[in-house]
Amino acid sequence: MSEQREKIIKIVKETAKEGRLSCTAARKIASDFHVPPKVVGDLCNELKIKIKACELGCF
């Protein structure tokens, strides 16, 4: 999964503004890569990116 992981990291970094990523964007990234939202949330934690406007308590 490391190639996919690197792709997800790249997209998260490109999408995050000022170290923040919306819940909607995080869920879309997870959906686009066919991974659970937790995978994106864990990567955001590693990258010190905060999830904002969380809608469902996924993160």
PDB file of N, CA and C in Angstrom:
ATOM      1  N   MET A   1       0.815  -1.205   0.000  1.00  0.00           N
ATOM      2  CA  MET A   1       0.000   0.000   0.000  1.00  0.00           C
ATOM      3  C   MET A   1       0.851   1.259   0.000  1.00  0.00           C
ATOM      4  N   SER A   2       2.158   1.146  -0.003  1.00  0.00           N
ATOM      5  CA  SER A   2       2.977   2.345   0.144  1.00  0.00           C
ATOM      6  C   SER A   2       2.857   3.283  -1.057  1.00  0.00           C
ATOM      7  N   GLU A   3       2.666   2.743  -2.275  1.00  0.00           N
ATOM      8  CA  GLU A   3       2.489   3.630  -3.428  1.00  0.00           C
ATOM      9  C   GLU A   3       1.165   4.386  -3.306  1.00  0.00           C
ATOM     10  N   GLN A   4       0.123   3.672  -2.913  1.00  0.00           N
ATOM     11  CA  GLN A   4      -1.173   4.312  -2.717  1.00  0.00           C
ATOM     12  C   GLN A   4      -1.089   5.315  -1.565  1.00  0.00           C
ATOM     13  N   ARG A   5      -0.396   4.942  -0.512  1.00  0.00           N
ATOM     14  CA  ARG A   5      -0.226   5.827   0.644  1.00  0.00           C
ATOM     15  C   ARG A   5       0.430   7.137   0.216  1.00  0.00           C
ATOM     16  N   GLU A   6       1.472   7.043  -0.605  1.00  0.00           N
ATOM     17  CA  GLU A   6       2.164   8.243  -1.078  1.00  0.00           C
ATOM     18  C   GLU A   6       1.235   9.111  -1.934  1.00  0.00           C
ATOM     19  N   LYS A   7       0.397   8.482  -2.739  1.00  0.00           N
ATOM     20  CA  LYS A   7      -0.561   9.237  -3.557  1.00  0.00           C
ATOM     21  C   LYS A   7      -1.574   9.957  -2.675  1.00  0.00           C
ATOM     22  N   ILE A   8      -2.048   9.265  -1.634  1.00  0.00           N
ATOM     23  CA  ILE A   8      -3.010   9.883  -0.721  1.00  0.00           C
ATOM     24  C   ILE A   8      -2.352  11.060  -0.002  1.00  0.00           C
ATOM     25  N   ILE A   9      -1.130  10.881   0.460  1.00  0.00           N
ATOM     26  CA  ILE A   9      -0.409  11.960   1.141  1.00  0.00           C
ATOM     27  C   ILE A   9      -0.284  13.169   0.225  1.00  0.00           C
ATOM     28  N   LYS A  10       0.069  12.930  -1.035  1.00  0.00           N
ATOM     29  CA  LYS A  10       0.235  14.022  -2.003  1.00  0.00           C
ATOM     30  C   LYS A  10      -1.078  14.787  -2.164  1.00  0.00           C
ATOM     31  N   ILE A  11      -2.180  14.058  -2.339  1.00  0.00           N
ATOM     32  CA  ILE A  11      -3.487  14.704  -2.506  1.00  0.00           C
ATOM     33  C   ILE A  11      -3.886  15.463  -1.245  1.00  0.00           C
ATOM     34  N   VAL A  12      -3.670  14.868  -0.076  1.00  0.00           N
ATOM     35  CA  VAL A  12      -4.016  15.537   1.184  1.00  0.00           C
ATOM     36  C   VAL A  12      -3.231  16.846   1.304  1.00  0.00           C
ATOM     37  N   LYS A  13      -1.941  16.809   1.025  1.00  0.00           N
ATOM     38  CA  LYS A  13      -1.115  18.022   1.116  1.00  0.00           C
ATOM     39  C   LYS A  13      -1.567  19.083   0.122  1.00  0.00           C
ATOM     40  N   GLU A  14      -1.920  18.659  -1.083  1.00  0.00           N
ATOM     41  CA  GLU A  14      -2.385  19.605  -2.104  1.00  0.00           C
ATOM     42  C   GLU A  14      -3.732  20.211  -1.748  1.00  0.00           C
ATOM     43  N   THR A  15      -4.582  19.435  -1.093  1.00  0.00           N
ATOM     44  CA  THR A  15      -5.943  19.868  -0.795  1.00  0.00           C
ATOM     45  C   THR A  15      -6.030  20.680   0.496  1.00  0.00           C
ATOM     46  N   ALA A  16      -5.172  20.376   1.456  1.00  0.00           N
ATOM     47  CA  ALA A  16      -5.207  21.068   2.753  1.00  0.00           C
ATOM     48  C   ALA A  16      -4.765  22.515   2.584  1.00  0.00           C
ATOM     49  N   LYS A  17      -5.546  23.407   3.131  1.00  0.00           N
ATOM     50  CA  LYS A  17      -5.222  24.828   3.117  1.00  0.00           C
ATOM     51  C   LYS A  17      -4.860  25.254   4.533  1.00  0.00           C
ATOM     52  N   GLU A  18      -3.684  25.848   4.677  1.00  0.00           N
ATOM     53  CA  GLU A  18      -3.225  26.345   5.975  1.00  0.00           C
ATOM     54  C   GLU A  18      -3.265  25.259   7.045  1.00  0.00           C
ATOM     55  N   GLY A  19      -2.897  24.037   6.641  1.00  0.00           N
ATOM     56  CA  GLY A  19      -2.834  22.944   7.597  1.00  0.00           C
ATOM     57  C   GLY A  19      -4.177  22.401   8.030  1.00  0.00           C
ATOM     58  N   ARG A  20      -5.218  22.685   7.232  1.00  0.00           N
ATOM     59  CA  ARG A  20      -6.563  22.236   7.576  1.00  0.00           C
ATOM     60  C   ARG A  20      -7.214  21.615   6.351  1.00  0.00           C
ATOM     61  N   LEU A  21      -7.990  20.555   6.586  1.00  0.00           N
ATOM     62  CA  LEU A  21      -8.687  19.841   5.523  1.00  0.00           C
ATOM     63  C   LEU A  21     -10.131  19.665   5.956  1.00  0.00           C
ATOM     64  N   SER A  22     -11.065  19.995   5.082  1.00  0.00           N
ATOM     65  CA  SER A  22     -12.475  19.841   5.463  1.00  0.00           C
ATOM     66  C   SER A  22     -12.831  18.361   5.535  1.00  0.00           C
ATOM     67  N   CYS A  23     -13.810  18.079   6.343  1.00  0.00           N
ATOM     68  CA  CYS A  23     -14.308  16.711   6.491  1.00  0.00           C
ATOM     69  C   CYS A  23     -14.788  16.191   5.137  1.00  0.00           C
ATOM     70  N   THR A  24     -15.488  17.034   4.390  1.00  0.00           N
ATOM     71  CA  THR A  24     -16.006  16.637   3.081  1.00  0.00           C
ATOM     72  C   THR A  24     -14.866  16.224   2.156  1.00  0.00           C
ATOM     73  N   ALA A  25     -13.790  17.021   2.134  1.00  0.00           N
ATOM     74  CA  ALA A  25     -12.644  16.714   1.276  1.00  0.00           C
ATOM     75  C   ALA A  25     -11.962  15.423   1.728  1.00  0.00           C
ATOM     76  N   ALA A  26     -11.823  15.240   3.031  1.00  0.00           N
ATOM     77  CA  ALA A  26     -11.177  14.036   3.560  1.00  0.00           C
ATOM     78  C   ALA A  26     -11.984  12.790   3.195  1.00  0.00           C
ATOM     79  N   ARG A  27     -13.315  12.873   3.327  1.00  0.00           N
ATOM     80  CA  ARG A  27     -14.159  11.725   2.974  1.00  0.00           C
ATOM     81  C   ARG A  27     -14.118  11.446   1.474  1.00  0.00           C
ATOM     82  N   LYS A  28     -14.021  12.505   0.661  1.00  0.00           N
ATOM     83  CA  LYS A  28     -13.930  12.314  -0.788  1.00  0.00           C
ATOM     84  C   LYS A  28     -12.612  11.636  -1.162  1.00  0.00           C
ATOM     85  N   ILE A  29     -11.525  12.057  -0.532  1.00  0.00           N
ATOM     86  CA  ILE A  29     -10.223  11.420  -0.794  1.00  0.00           C
ATOM     87  C   ILE A  29     -10.306   9.941  -0.431  1.00  0.00           C
ATOM     88  N   ALA A  30     -10.878   9.644   0.720  1.00  0.00           N
ATOM     89  CA  ALA A  30     -11.020   8.246   1.142  1.00  0.00           C
ATOM     90  C   ALA A  30     -11.845   7.462   0.117  1.00  0.00           C
ATOM     91  N   SER A  31     -12.923   8.051  -0.340  1.00  0.00           N
ATOM     92  CA  SER A  31     -13.774   7.391  -1.324  1.00  0.00           C
ATOM     93  C   SER A  31     -13.040   7.190  -2.649  1.00  0.00           C
ATOM     94  N   ASP A  32     -12.331   8.217  -3.094  1.00  0.00           N
ATOM     95  CA  ASP A  32     -11.602   8.141  -4.369  1.00  0.00           C
ATOM     96  C   ASP A  32     -10.555   7.031  -4.362  1.00  0.00           C
ATOM     97  N   PHE A  33      -9.952   6.803  -3.195  1.00  0.00           N
ATOM     98  CA  PHE A  33      -8.903   5.782  -3.083  1.00  0.00           C
ATOM     99  C   PHE A  33      -9.418   4.460  -2.523  1.00  0.00           C
ATOM    100  N   HIS A  34     -10.737   4.385  -2.291  1.00  0.00           N
ATOM    101  CA  HIS A  34     -11.370   3.153  -1.784  1.00  0.00           C
ATOM    102  C   HIS A  34     -10.732   2.681  -0.472  1.00  0.00           C
ATOM    103  N   VAL A  35     -10.539   3.638   0.447  1.00  0.00           N
ATOM    104  CA  VAL A  35     -10.010   3.316   1.778  1.00  0.00           C
ATOM    105  C   VAL A  35     -10.982   3.876   2.815  1.00  0.00           C
ATOM    106  N   PRO A  36     -10.970   3.324   4.022  1.00  0.00           N
ATOM    107  CA  PRO A  36     -11.828   3.868   5.077  1.00  0.00           C
ATOM    108  C   PRO A  36     -11.397   5.297   5.439  1.00  0.00           C
ATOM    109  N   PRO A  37     -12.327   6.153   5.862  1.00  0.00           N
ATOM    110  CA  PRO A  37     -11.962   7.509   6.267  1.00  0.00           C
ATOM    111  C   PRO A  37     -10.860   7.541   7.331  1.00  0.00           C
ATOM    112  N   LYS A  38     -10.799   6.514   8.166  1.00  0.00           N
ATOM    113  CA  LYS A  38      -9.771   6.466   9.215  1.00  0.00           C
ATOM    114  C   LYS A  38      -8.357   6.514   8.632  1.00  0.00           C
ATOM    115  N   VAL A  39      -8.163   5.917   7.457  1.00  0.00           N
ATOM    116  CA  VAL A  39      -6.835   5.935   6.816  1.00  0.00           C
ATOM    117  C   VAL A  39      -6.430   7.379   6.523  1.00  0.00           C
ATOM    118  N   VAL A  40      -7.351   8.150   5.955  1.00  0.00           N
ATOM    119  CA  VAL A  40      -7.063   9.557   5.651  1.00  0.00           C
ATOM    120  C   VAL A  40      -6.874  10.335   6.958  1.00  0.00           C
ATOM    121  N   GLY A  41      -7.716  10.059   7.935  1.00  0.00           N
ATOM    122  CA  GLY A  41      -7.581  10.731   9.233  1.00  0.00           C
ATOM    123  C   GLY A  41      -6.248  10.448   9.891  1.00  0.00           C
ATOM    124  N   ASP A  42      -5.803   9.207   9.849  1.00  0.00           N
ATOM    125  CA  ASP A  42      -4.499   8.855  10.432  1.00  0.00           C
ATOM    126  C   ASP A  42      -3.365   9.559   9.704  1.00  0.00           C
ATOM    127  N   LEU A  43      -3.454   9.640   8.375  1.00  0.00           N
ATOM    128  CA  LEU A  43      -2.417  10.348   7.615  1.00  0.00           C
ATOM    129  C   LEU A  43      -2.430  11.835   7.952  1.00  0.00           C
ATOM    130  N   CYS A  44      -3.604  12.408   8.109  1.00  0.00           N
ATOM    131  CA  CYS A  44      -3.692  13.813   8.510  1.00  0.00           C
ATOM    132  C   CYS A  44      -3.031  14.021   9.867  1.00  0.00           C
ATOM    133  N   ASN A  45      -3.263  13.105  10.789  1.00  0.00           N
ATOM    134  CA  ASN A  45      -2.609  13.206  12.100  1.00  0.00           C
ATOM    135  C   ASN A  45      -1.095  13.174  11.950  1.00  0.00           C
ATOM    136  N   GLU A  46      -0.584  12.251  11.134  1.00  0.00           N
ATOM    137  CA  GLU A  46       0.859  12.157  10.909  1.00  0.00           C
ATOM    138  C   GLU A  46       1.416  13.442  10.311  1.00  0.00           C
ATOM    139  N   LEU A  47       0.649  14.055   9.419  1.00  0.00           N
ATOM    140  CA  LEU A  47       1.096  15.257   8.717  1.00  0.00           C
ATOM    141  C   LEU A  47       0.777  16.536   9.487  1.00  0.00           C
ATOM    142  N   LYS A  48       0.184  16.398  10.671  1.00  0.00           N
ATOM    143  CA  LYS A  48      -0.217  17.540  11.508  1.00  0.00           C
ATOM    144  C   LYS A  48      -1.231  18.432  10.789  1.00  0.00           C
ATOM    145  N   ILE A  49      -2.147  17.790  10.053  1.00  0.00           N
ATOM    146  CA  ILE A  49      -3.214  18.504   9.362  1.00  0.00           C
ATOM    147  C   ILE A  49      -4.501  18.268  10.138  1.00  0.00           C
ATOM    148  N   LYS A  50      -5.186  19.336  10.459  1.00  0.00           N
ATOM    149  CA  LYS A  50      -6.431  19.257  11.228  1.00  0.00           C
ATOM    150  C   LYS A  50      -7.620  19.058  10.290  1.00  0.00           C
ATOM    151  N   ILE A  51      -8.569  18.244  10.718  1.00  0.00           N
ATOM    152  CA  ILE A  51      -9.831  18.085   9.998  1.00  0.00           C
ATOM    153  C   ILE A  51     -10.788  19.145  10.533  1.00  0.00           C
ATOM    154  N   LYS A  52     -11.358  19.941   9.615  1.00  0.00           N
ATOM    155  CA  LYS A  52     -12.276  20.992  10.050  1.00  0.00           C
ATOM    156  C   LYS A  52     -13.681  20.689   9.560  1.00  0.00           C
ATOM    157  N   ALA A  53     -14.644  21.291  10.194  1.00  0.00           N
ATOM    158  CA  ALA A  53     -16.055  21.152   9.825  1.00  0.00           C
ATOM    159  C   ALA A  53     -16.468  19.690   9.737  1.00  0.00           C
ATOM    160  N   CYS A  54     -16.100  18.914  10.738  1.00  0.00           N
ATOM    161  CA  CYS A  54     -16.427  17.488  10.738  1.00  0.00           C
ATOM    162  C   CYS A  54     -17.938  17.317  10.828  1.00  0.00           C
ATOM    163  N   GLU A  55     -18.467  16.524   9.919  1.00  0.00           N
ATOM    164  CA  GLU A  55     -19.916  16.403   9.797  1.00  0.00           C
ATOM    165  C   GLU A  55     -20.485  15.179  10.497  1.00  0.00           C
ATOM    166  N   LEU A  56     -19.745  14.091  10.524  1.00  0.00           N
ATOM    167  CA  LEU A  56     -20.302  12.848  11.038  1.00  0.00           C
ATOM    168  C   LEU A  56     -19.518  12.272  12.214  1.00  0.00           C
ATOM    169  N   GLY A  57     -18.506  12.961  12.657  1.00  0.00           N
ATOM    170  CA  GLY A  57     -17.675  12.434  13.721  1.00  0.00           C
ATOM    171  C   GLY A  57     -16.754  11.326  13.241  1.00  0.00           C
ATOM    172  N   CYS A  58     -16.452  11.315  11.934  1.00  0.00           N
ATOM    173  CA  CYS A  58     -15.591  10.269  11.354  1.00  0.00           C
ATOM    174  C   CYS A  58     -14.148  10.418  11.784  1.00  0.00           C
ATOM    175  N   PHE A  59     -13.762  11.646  12.092  1.00  0.00           N
ATOM    176  CA  PHE A  59     -12.341  11.897  12.362  1.00  0.00           C
ATOM    177  C   PHE A  59     -12.190  12.317  13.783  1.00  0.00           C
TER     178      PHE A  59
END
